[in-house]
Amino acid sequence: MKKRYYISFSISQDILLSLIASLVSVLVIRWTSEPIPGFTTLVFKWLAAAAVGTISGILISECSRDVKKYATVRSIARVMTAILIKEAVLVITLAVGLVSFPQMLQYVLIMLLDLILTGGALSYLRVASRLLSGHSPNPSQMASRKTALVAGTDEAAQNLAQELEKEGYDVIGLLSRSPQMNGRVIRDYVVYACKTDDDLEKLQWRFGGVDGVFFPRTVMERQDSARDSGDKGEVQDSVQQRDRMSLLGHMVKRSFDIGLSGFLLLIFSPVIAVCALLIKREDGGPVLFVQERIGRGGKPFRIYKFRSMRTDAEASGTPALYSGMEDPRLTRVGRFLRAHHLDELPQLWNVLKGDMSFIGYRPERQFFIDQIKRYNPRYDYLFQIRPGVTSYATLYNGYTDTMDKMLTRLDLDLYYLRNHTVWFDIKVLGLTFLSIVTGKKF
């Protein structure tokens, strides 16, 4: 059933994008030329021919079968075949005179424009997915790998780090007592200056916890200690920003959050109004679902969503997890909102206020946080950053309705924390957009 939905969604999306490309092509020709007699009729004929060509190309090439395999060479080849079939139909349409232009140059230009725009429109999701999803080949496996630091920077420490990598550890870096070594890269391992237990604790926070610090058989930092024996200064602040992202990165991220959330609130205001009206008309209950969640610094905040469940969803008083689209507590309108992620729109206000970011970890209630921490106390490390409307974990783990899924989500969230950069956020945001427009449920 899901596969049929994805295929139908993919076909509809490709047809729409192809027609938009053809419409833009003919409008460009009109904008760059003298008035064309009967232009409105010409546009309808052109779009009809484009629709016939697109549908024929999709059916013949079977490119819709690659709905979930965007990154393969085969999927791109099938899309290119569909595009060429469409362009062949358009060429025939021009050749037999069903659509005509005053000048021969216009024939050439519109075919060239349509080919380029259609190719870009139908390929962008597949190409973008390949570029954006390359952060890790197996997210769950990468996230669950044990993390390690290796004490020392000499050859023995480097060899130990490589051995640990072979055994399945994620070696974050090497430790040095010398401030001068801080930030250097040796055999692709970053060196962190660490002289005291307090410095090591800061590194733990920065990387969302470390499973172990390993020592080579050689005396720890023999060469570094010799150079550092006369140094009376403090270690240069290698962890000015506790999590992985730089201070500049946090400034860029917050500026982006403010700008985009404000813009989207303005653009989607009609959609927000319609959603509110539909929710109110269905059962007369409150439009917004307001709940206390735990955010940055472990502080509670009020999260806003469109109400998608019955008003008595938690009448028993015990917090309950959302169990997917088959959850009997969903209302009819709520099921639609959840399916298209429209219930999240009010969270734009949380982002604008600073309670949340677009990308982070999904905020949870204290009740469930306490349960998670019984199995993995590292949840506290997440409080260094703002929770997000979407997250790296959501992309690969979906909604969490069991403790096992919650613990897997925590592993993925900690992996995100260790790799927290502006570029990583762009990847997560891009993949979230791709998932929504391709109909993926999470």
Protein backbone atom coordinates (compact mmCIF):
# COMPACT_ATOMS: atom_id res chain seq x y z
CA MET A 1 0.00 0.00 0.00
CA LYS A 2 2.80 2.39 0.93
CA LYS A 3 4.71 1.60 -2.26
CA ARG A 4 1.64 2.43 -4.35
CA TYR A 5 1.30 5.71 -2.49
CA TYR A 6 4.94 6.61 -3.12
CA ILE A 7 4.68 5.73 -6.82
CA SER A 8 1.49 7.77 -7.24
CA PHE A 9 3.04 10.69 -5.39
CA SER A 10 6.20 10.47 -7.51
CA ILE A 11 4.26 10.39 -10.80
CA SER A 12 2.08 13.36 -9.79
CA GLN A 13 5.12 15.32 -8.64
CA ASP A 14 7.10 14.63 -11.82
CA ILE A 15 4.18 15.59 -14.06
CA LEU A 16 3.65 18.84 -12.15
CA LEU A 17 7.34 19.76 -12.25
CA SER A 18 7.54 18.94 -15.95
CA LEU A 19 4.54 21.13 -16.76
CA ILE A 20 5.97 24.00 -14.70
CA ALA A 21 9.21 23.70 -16.69
CA SER A 22 7.27 23.83 -19.98
CA LEU A 23 5.21 26.79 -18.80
CA VAL A 24 8.31 28.73 -17.77
CA SER A 25 9.93 27.92 -21.13
CA VAL A 26 7.06 29.32 -23.20
CA LEU A 27 6.75 32.38 -20.93
CA VAL A 28 10.46 33.15 -21.35
CA ILE A 29 10.02 33.06 -25.12
CA ARG A 30 7.11 35.48 -24.83
CA TRP A 31 8.95 37.86 -22.47
CA THR A 32 11.98 38.06 -24.76
CA SER A 33 10.12 38.58 -28.04
CA GLU A 34 7.47 40.62 -29.74
CA PRO A 35 3.80 39.85 -28.95
CA ILE A 36 2.74 36.44 -30.28
CA PRO A 37 -0.77 36.22 -31.82
CA GLY A 38 -3.09 33.81 -29.98
CA PHE A 39 -0.55 33.33 -27.21
CA THR A 40 -3.06 32.08 -24.61
CA THR A 41 -4.29 29.30 -26.91
CA LEU A 42 -0.69 28.49 -27.78
CA VAL A 43 0.17 28.05 -24.10
CA PHE A 44 -2.69 25.58 -23.51
CA LYS A 45 -1.71 23.55 -26.59
CA TRP A 46 1.93 23.54 -25.51
CA LEU A 47 1.09 22.37 -22.00
CA ALA A 48 -1.25 19.67 -23.35
CA ALA A 49 1.53 18.35 -25.56
CA ALA A 50 3.96 18.54 -22.62
CA ALA A 51 1.54 16.55 -20.44
CA VAL A 52 1.14 13.85 -23.11
CA GLY A 53 4.92 13.66 -23.55
CA THR A 54 5.63 13.57 -19.83
CA ILE A 55 3.08 10.86 -19.04
CA SER A 56 4.27 8.80 -22.01
CA GLY A 57 7.88 9.19 -20.92
CA ILE A 58 7.14 8.19 -17.32
CA LEU A 59 5.17 5.11 -18.35
CA ILE A 60 7.66 3.95 -20.99
CA SER A 61 10.81 4.60 -18.92
CA GLU A 62 9.21 3.37 -15.67
CA CYS A 63 11.19 6.02 -13.79
CA SER A 64 8.49 6.08 -11.09
CA ARG A 65 9.64 2.62 -9.97
CA ASP A 66 12.78 4.24 -8.54
CA VAL A 67 10.83 6.24 -6.00
CA LYS A 68 13.10 5.22 -3.13
CA LYS A 69 16.32 4.79 -5.12
CA TYR A 70 17.04 8.32 -6.15
CA ALA A 71 20.79 7.99 -5.86
CA THR A 72 21.29 5.18 -8.39
CA VAL A 73 22.66 5.62 -11.89
CA ARG A 74 19.72 3.59 -13.18
CA SER A 75 17.19 6.03 -11.74
CA ILE A 76 18.90 8.99 -13.42
CA ALA A 77 19.06 7.08 -16.73
CA ARG A 78 15.33 6.34 -16.53
CA VAL A 79 14.54 9.99 -15.82
CA MET A 80 16.66 11.09 -18.78
CA THR A 81 14.79 8.61 -20.98
CA ALA A 82 11.46 10.06 -19.83
CA ILE A 83 12.68 13.58 -20.59
CA LEU A 84 13.86 12.64 -24.10
CA ILE A 85 10.49 11.03 -24.84
CA LYS A 86 8.74 14.20 -23.71
CA GLU A 87 10.97 16.37 -25.88
CA ALA A 88 10.36 14.07 -28.87
CA VAL A 89 6.60 14.57 -28.47
CA LEU A 90 7.10 18.35 -28.34
CA VAL A 91 9.26 18.28 -31.46
CA ILE A 92 6.52 16.35 -33.29
CA THR A 93 3.96 18.89 -32.04
CA LEU A 94 6.01 21.74 -33.50
CA ALA A 95 6.77 19.85 -36.71
CA VAL A 96 3.11 19.16 -37.58
CA GLY A 97 2.11 22.74 -36.75
CA LEU A 98 -0.13 22.10 -33.73
CA VAL A 99 1.93 24.79 -32.00
CA SER A 100 3.68 27.44 -34.06
CA PHE A 101 5.88 30.48 -33.43
CA PRO A 102 6.60 33.45 -35.70
CA GLN A 103 10.36 32.81 -35.91
CA MET A 104 12.52 29.71 -36.34
CA LEU A 105 14.86 30.89 -33.56
CA GLN A 106 11.96 30.67 -31.12
CA TYR A 107 11.47 26.99 -32.01
CA VAL A 108 15.10 26.27 -31.18
CA LEU A 109 15.10 28.31 -27.96
CA ILE A 110 11.90 26.85 -26.52
CA MET A 111 13.11 23.27 -27.10
CA LEU A 112 16.46 24.05 -25.53
CA LEU A 113 14.85 25.76 -22.53
CA ASP A 114 12.32 23.00 -22.03
CA LEU A 115 15.03 20.33 -22.14
CA ILE A 116 17.20 22.14 -19.58
CA LEU A 117 14.39 23.10 -17.19
CA THR A 118 12.66 19.73 -17.33
CA GLY A 119 15.95 17.93 -16.79
CA GLY A 120 16.70 20.10 -13.77
CA ALA A 121 13.18 19.82 -12.37
CA LEU A 122 12.96 16.03 -12.59
CA SER A 123 16.53 15.37 -11.49
CA TYR A 124 16.92 17.78 -8.61
CA LEU A 125 15.38 15.49 -5.97
CA ARG A 126 17.43 12.51 -7.05
CA VAL A 127 20.69 14.42 -7.33
CA ALA A 128 20.08 16.40 -4.14
CA SER A 129 19.34 13.20 -2.23
CA ARG A 130 22.65 11.72 -3.35
CA LEU A 131 24.57 14.82 -2.23
CA LEU A 132 22.75 15.29 1.06
CA SER A 133 22.53 11.69 2.25
CA GLY A 134 26.23 11.01 2.02
CA HIS A 135 26.99 11.89 5.64
CA SER A 136 27.13 8.26 6.75
CA PRO A 137 26.46 5.01 4.89
CA ASN A 138 24.55 3.45 7.79
CA PRO A 139 23.33 6.12 10.24
CA SER A 140 22.10 3.74 12.94
CA GLN A 141 25.28 1.70 12.86
CA MET A 142 27.50 4.80 12.86
CA ALA A 143 25.58 6.37 15.73
CA SER A 144 25.77 3.25 17.92
CA ARG A 145 29.55 2.88 17.59
CA LYS A 146 31.41 3.37 20.84
CA THR A 147 33.42 6.58 21.03
CA ALA A 148 37.03 6.77 22.17
CA LEU A 149 39.88 9.18 22.83
CA VAL A 150 43.51 8.07 22.68
CA ALA A 151 46.03 9.57 25.10
CA GLY A 152 49.18 10.65 23.30
CA THR A 153 50.26 11.92 19.91
CA ASP A 154 53.29 9.75 19.17
CA GLU A 155 53.38 6.87 16.72
CA ALA A 156 52.23 4.35 19.33
CA ALA A 157 49.11 6.44 20.04
CA GLN A 158 48.41 6.83 16.34
CA ASN A 159 48.72 3.09 15.77
CA LEU A 160 46.43 2.39 18.74
CA ALA A 161 43.84 4.77 17.29
CA GLN A 162 43.89 2.93 13.97
CA GLU A 163 43.56 -0.44 15.71
CA LEU A 164 40.54 0.84 17.64
CA GLU A 165 38.95 2.03 14.39
CA LYS A 166 39.35 -1.48 12.96
CA GLU A 167 37.66 -2.92 16.06
CA GLY A 168 34.62 -0.70 15.48
CA TYR A 169 35.33 2.30 17.70
CA ASP A 170 34.73 5.88 16.59
CA VAL A 171 38.02 7.51 17.57
CA ILE A 172 37.20 11.17 18.15
CA GLY A 173 40.79 12.35 18.50
CA LEU A 174 44.08 12.30 20.39
CA LEU A 175 44.83 13.88 23.77
CA SER A 176 47.89 16.02 24.48
CA ARG A 177 49.13 17.83 27.57
CA SER A 178 50.69 20.53 25.43
CA PRO A 179 48.60 23.63 24.64
CA GLN A 180 50.67 24.10 21.46
CA MET A 181 49.34 20.81 20.10
CA ASN A 182 45.70 21.82 20.42
CA GLY A 183 43.86 21.78 17.10
CA ARG A 184 46.57 20.01 15.11
CA VAL A 185 45.65 17.09 12.88
CA ILE A 186 47.73 13.91 12.90
CA ARG A 187 46.76 11.07 10.56
CA ASP A 188 43.27 12.59 10.27
CA TYR A 189 42.90 12.66 14.08
CA VAL A 190 42.35 16.04 15.75
CA VAL A 191 44.52 16.72 18.81
CA TYR A 192 42.84 18.16 21.92
CA ALA A 193 44.81 19.79 24.72
CA CYS A 194 43.81 18.15 27.97
CA LYS A 195 45.80 18.66 31.20
CA THR A 196 43.21 18.21 33.92
CA ASP A 197 40.10 16.18 34.73
CA ASP A 198 38.08 19.34 34.18
CA ASP A 199 39.37 19.58 30.60
CA LEU A 200 38.39 15.96 30.01
CA GLU A 201 34.93 16.61 31.43
CA LYS A 202 34.48 19.52 29.02
CA LEU A 203 35.43 17.26 26.14
CA GLN A 204 32.84 14.76 27.35
CA TRP A 205 30.17 17.45 27.10
CA ARG A 206 31.43 18.58 23.72
CA PHE A 207 31.15 15.10 22.22
CA GLY A 208 28.06 13.89 24.03
CA GLY A 209 30.03 11.49 26.20
CA VAL A 210 33.04 9.29 25.48
CA ASP A 211 32.98 5.53 26.08
CA GLY A 212 36.66 5.25 26.88
CA VAL A 213 40.08 6.92 26.99
CA PHE A 214 42.75 4.49 25.77
CA PHE A 215 46.46 4.62 26.62
CA PRO A 216 49.21 3.15 24.45
CA ARG A 217 51.89 0.99 26.05
CA THR A 218 54.43 3.80 25.82
CA VAL A 219 54.66 6.36 28.59
CA MET A 220 51.85 8.88 28.03
CA GLU A 221 52.99 12.02 26.22
CA ARG A 222 56.72 11.46 26.80
CA GLN A 223 57.76 13.87 24.07
CA ASP A 224 54.98 16.39 24.72
CA SER A 225 55.70 16.47 28.46
CA ALA A 226 59.35 17.14 27.84
CA ARG A 227 58.50 20.15 25.70
CA ASP A 228 55.85 21.27 28.17
CA SER A 229 57.86 20.87 31.37
CA GLY A 230 58.62 24.57 31.61
CA ASP A 231 55.16 25.76 30.66
CA LYS A 232 53.34 27.49 33.55
CA GLY A 233 50.38 28.72 31.51
CA GLU A 234 46.91 27.31 31.38
CA VAL A 235 45.64 25.17 28.55
CA GLN A 236 44.29 27.39 25.79
CA ASP A 237 40.53 27.13 25.78
CA SER A 238 39.99 24.22 23.41
CA VAL A 239 36.32 24.05 24.34
CA GLN A 240 35.15 27.65 24.31
CA GLN A 241 31.97 26.32 22.75
CA ARG A 242 30.93 23.22 24.63
CA ASP A 243 29.28 21.40 21.74
CA ARG A 244 30.94 20.77 18.38
CA MET A 245 29.68 23.83 16.50
CA SER A 246 31.76 27.00 16.63
CA LEU A 247 30.50 30.24 18.15
CA LEU A 248 30.24 31.74 14.66
CA GLY A 249 28.30 28.69 13.53
CA HIS A 250 25.80 29.19 16.36
CA MET A 251 25.37 32.83 15.38
CA VAL A 252 24.74 31.88 11.75
CA LYS A 253 22.31 29.16 12.81
CA ARG A 254 20.31 31.44 15.11
CA SER A 255 20.16 34.20 12.47
CA PHE A 256 18.91 31.64 9.95
CA ASP A 257 16.28 30.38 12.42
CA ILE A 258 14.94 33.87 13.06
CA GLY A 259 14.87 34.87 9.39
CA LEU A 260 13.33 31.67 8.03
CA SER A 261 10.76 31.20 10.81
CA GLY A 262 9.53 34.79 10.41
CA PHE A 263 9.32 34.41 6.63
CA LEU A 264 7.49 31.07 6.82
CA LEU A 265 5.00 32.37 9.39
CA LEU A 266 4.12 35.13 6.96
CA ILE A 267 3.95 32.90 3.89
CA PHE A 268 1.99 30.10 5.56
CA SER A 269 -0.41 32.35 7.46
CA PRO A 270 -3.33 31.44 5.10
CA VAL A 271 -2.57 27.72 5.54
CA ILE A 272 -2.37 28.17 9.31
CA ALA A 273 -5.75 29.91 9.31
CA VAL A 274 -7.38 27.14 7.24
CA CYS A 275 -5.92 24.40 9.47
CA ALA A 276 -7.20 26.18 12.57
CA LEU A 277 -10.67 26.51 11.08
CA LEU A 278 -10.83 22.81 10.12
CA ILE A 279 -9.75 21.67 13.59
CA LYS A 280 -12.31 23.91 15.29
CA ARG A 281 -15.14 22.82 13.02
CA GLU A 282 -14.50 19.09 13.49
CA ASP A 283 -15.13 18.78 17.23
CA GLY A 284 -15.18 22.30 18.64
CA GLY A 285 -12.11 21.63 20.78
CA PRO A 286 -9.01 23.82 21.13
CA VAL A 287 -7.03 24.48 17.96
CA LEU A 288 -3.58 24.32 19.54
CA PHE A 289 -2.01 21.51 21.49
CA VAL A 290 0.24 23.05 24.16
CA GLN A 291 2.55 20.87 26.20
CA GLU A 292 5.57 21.32 28.44
CA ARG A 293 8.81 19.97 26.98
CA ILE A 294 12.41 20.16 28.18
CA GLY A 295 14.77 22.26 26.11
CA ARG A 296 18.16 23.93 26.17
CA GLY A 297 19.82 23.93 29.57
CA GLY A 298 17.26 21.42 30.86
CA LYS A 299 14.70 24.21 31.16
CA PRO A 300 11.01 23.55 30.42
CA PHE A 301 9.19 25.45 27.68
CA ARG A 302 5.75 25.30 26.10
CA ILE A 303 5.68 23.67 22.67
CA TYR A 304 2.89 24.54 20.24
CA LYS A 305 1.30 22.21 17.69
CA PHE A 306 -2.00 21.94 15.90
CA ARG A 307 -4.13 19.52 17.88
CA SER A 308 -4.33 16.26 15.94
CA MET A 309 -5.86 14.00 18.62
CA ARG A 310 -9.09 13.85 20.55
CA THR A 311 -9.36 16.11 23.58
CA ASP A 312 -9.41 13.05 25.85
CA ALA A 313 -6.26 11.49 24.31
CA GLU A 314 -4.57 11.27 27.72
CA ALA A 315 -7.63 11.20 29.94
CA SER A 316 -6.04 8.54 32.15
CA GLY A 317 -3.39 11.06 33.23
CA THR A 318 -0.50 8.85 32.10
CA PRO A 319 1.63 10.22 29.24
CA ALA A 320 1.30 8.07 26.12
CA LEU A 321 3.47 7.91 23.02
CA TYR A 322 2.17 8.55 19.52
CA SER A 323 2.02 5.17 17.75
CA GLY A 324 1.80 6.24 14.11
CA MET A 325 -0.94 6.94 11.59
CA GLU A 326 -3.05 4.08 12.94
CA ASP A 327 -3.25 5.64 16.42
CA PRO A 328 -6.97 5.51 17.31
CA ARG A 329 -6.75 8.81 19.18
CA LEU A 330 -6.20 10.76 15.94
CA THR A 331 -9.05 12.86 14.64
CA ARG A 332 -9.95 12.84 10.94
CA VAL A 333 -8.43 16.28 10.38
CA GLY A 334 -5.54 15.40 12.68
CA ARG A 335 -4.63 12.35 10.62
CA PHE A 336 -4.39 14.55 7.51
CA LEU A 337 -2.30 17.15 9.35
CA ARG A 338 0.07 14.48 10.66
CA ALA A 339 0.39 12.83 7.24
CA HIS A 340 1.55 16.09 5.69
CA HIS A 341 3.43 17.42 8.75
CA LEU A 342 1.14 20.44 8.93
CA ASP A 343 0.63 19.93 12.66
CA GLU A 344 4.19 21.21 13.16
CA LEU A 345 3.52 24.67 11.69
CA PRO A 346 2.87 26.41 15.07
CA GLN A 347 6.39 25.39 16.13
CA LEU A 348 7.64 28.15 13.85
CA TRP A 349 6.65 30.44 16.73
CA ASN A 350 8.82 28.37 19.10
CA VAL A 351 11.74 28.79 16.68
CA LEU A 352 11.20 32.53 16.39
CA LYS A 353 11.06 32.89 20.20
CA GLY A 354 14.27 30.92 20.65
CA ASP A 355 12.79 27.89 22.43
CA MET A 356 13.70 25.72 19.46
CA SER A 357 15.77 25.61 16.29
CA PHE A 358 14.87 24.15 12.91
CA ILE A 359 17.47 21.39 13.39
CA GLY A 360 18.29 19.81 16.74
CA TYR A 361 16.92 16.92 18.75
CA ARG A 362 13.21 16.40 19.23
CA PRO A 363 12.21 17.79 22.66
CA GLU A 364 10.72 15.30 25.06
CA ARG A 365 8.63 15.38 28.21
CA GLN A 366 10.35 14.99 31.57
CA PHE A 367 8.39 11.77 32.19
CA PHE A 368 10.01 10.04 29.22
CA ILE A 369 13.43 11.66 29.76
CA ASP A 370 13.54 10.09 33.23
CA GLN A 371 12.79 6.69 31.72
CA ILE A 372 15.46 7.07 29.02
CA LYS A 373 18.10 8.11 31.55
CA ARG A 374 17.62 4.87 33.47
CA TYR A 375 19.15 3.12 30.47
CA ASN A 376 21.42 5.86 29.13
CA PRO A 377 22.22 8.91 31.33
CA ARG A 378 23.86 10.73 28.41
CA TYR A 379 20.58 12.42 27.54
CA ASP A 380 21.76 15.42 29.60
CA TYR A 381 24.43 16.18 26.98
CA LEU A 382 21.69 17.17 24.53
CA PHE A 383 20.69 20.10 26.72
CA GLN A 384 23.68 22.06 25.38
CA ILE A 385 21.76 22.92 22.22
CA ARG A 386 18.22 23.94 21.30
CA PRO A 387 15.78 21.17 20.40
CA GLY A 388 14.63 21.14 16.80
CA VAL A 389 11.49 21.03 14.69
CA THR A 390 13.22 18.19 12.87
CA SER A 391 16.28 16.14 13.67
CA TYR A 392 18.83 13.77 12.21
CA ALA A 393 17.31 11.02 14.34
CA THR A 394 13.79 11.60 13.01
CA LEU A 395 14.96 11.04 9.44
CA TYR A 396 16.29 7.57 10.20
CA ASN A 397 14.36 6.48 13.27
CA GLY A 398 10.93 8.04 12.71
CA TYR A 399 8.50 8.49 15.56
CA THR A 400 9.39 6.69 18.79
CA ASP A 401 6.71 4.51 20.33
CA THR A 402 8.96 2.07 22.24
CA MET A 403 11.89 2.38 24.64
CA ASP A 404 14.19 0.67 22.12
CA LYS A 405 13.37 3.34 19.55
CA MET A 406 13.93 6.06 22.16
CA LEU A 407 17.39 4.71 22.92
CA THR A 408 18.22 4.44 19.22
CA ARG A 409 17.04 8.01 18.78
CA LEU A 410 19.33 9.11 21.61
CA ASP A 411 22.30 7.42 19.91
CA LEU A 412 21.50 9.29 16.70
CA ASP A 413 21.02 12.58 18.56
CA LEU A 414 24.41 12.18 20.26
CA TYR A 415 25.96 11.39 16.89
CA TYR A 416 24.46 14.64 15.61
CA LEU A 417 25.89 16.48 18.62
CA ARG A 418 29.39 15.09 17.90
CA ASN A 419 29.16 16.19 14.26
CA HIS A 420 27.26 19.43 14.89
CA THR A 421 28.18 21.89 12.11
CA VAL A 422 26.33 24.36 9.87
CA TRP A 423 26.87 22.08 6.87
CA PHE A 424 25.46 19.08 8.74
CA ASP A 425 22.38 21.18 9.60
CA ILE A 426 21.97 22.09 5.92
CA LYS A 427 22.09 18.39 5.05
CA VAL A 428 19.46 17.49 7.65
CA LEU A 429 17.19 20.35 6.54
CA GLY A 430 17.59 19.35 2.90
CA LEU A 431 16.85 15.69 3.61
CA THR A 432 13.79 16.67 5.65
CA PHE A 433 12.48 18.72 2.72
CA LEU A 434 13.12 15.82 0.34
CA SER A 435 11.32 13.42 2.67
CA ILE A 436 8.26 15.67 2.88
CA VAL A 437 7.94 16.34 -0.86
CA THR A 438 8.44 12.66 -1.73
CA GLY A 439 5.76 11.59 0.72
CA LYS A 440 7.96 9.78 3.22
CA LYS A 441 6.23 9.15 6.54
CA PHE A 442 8.13 9.69 9.78
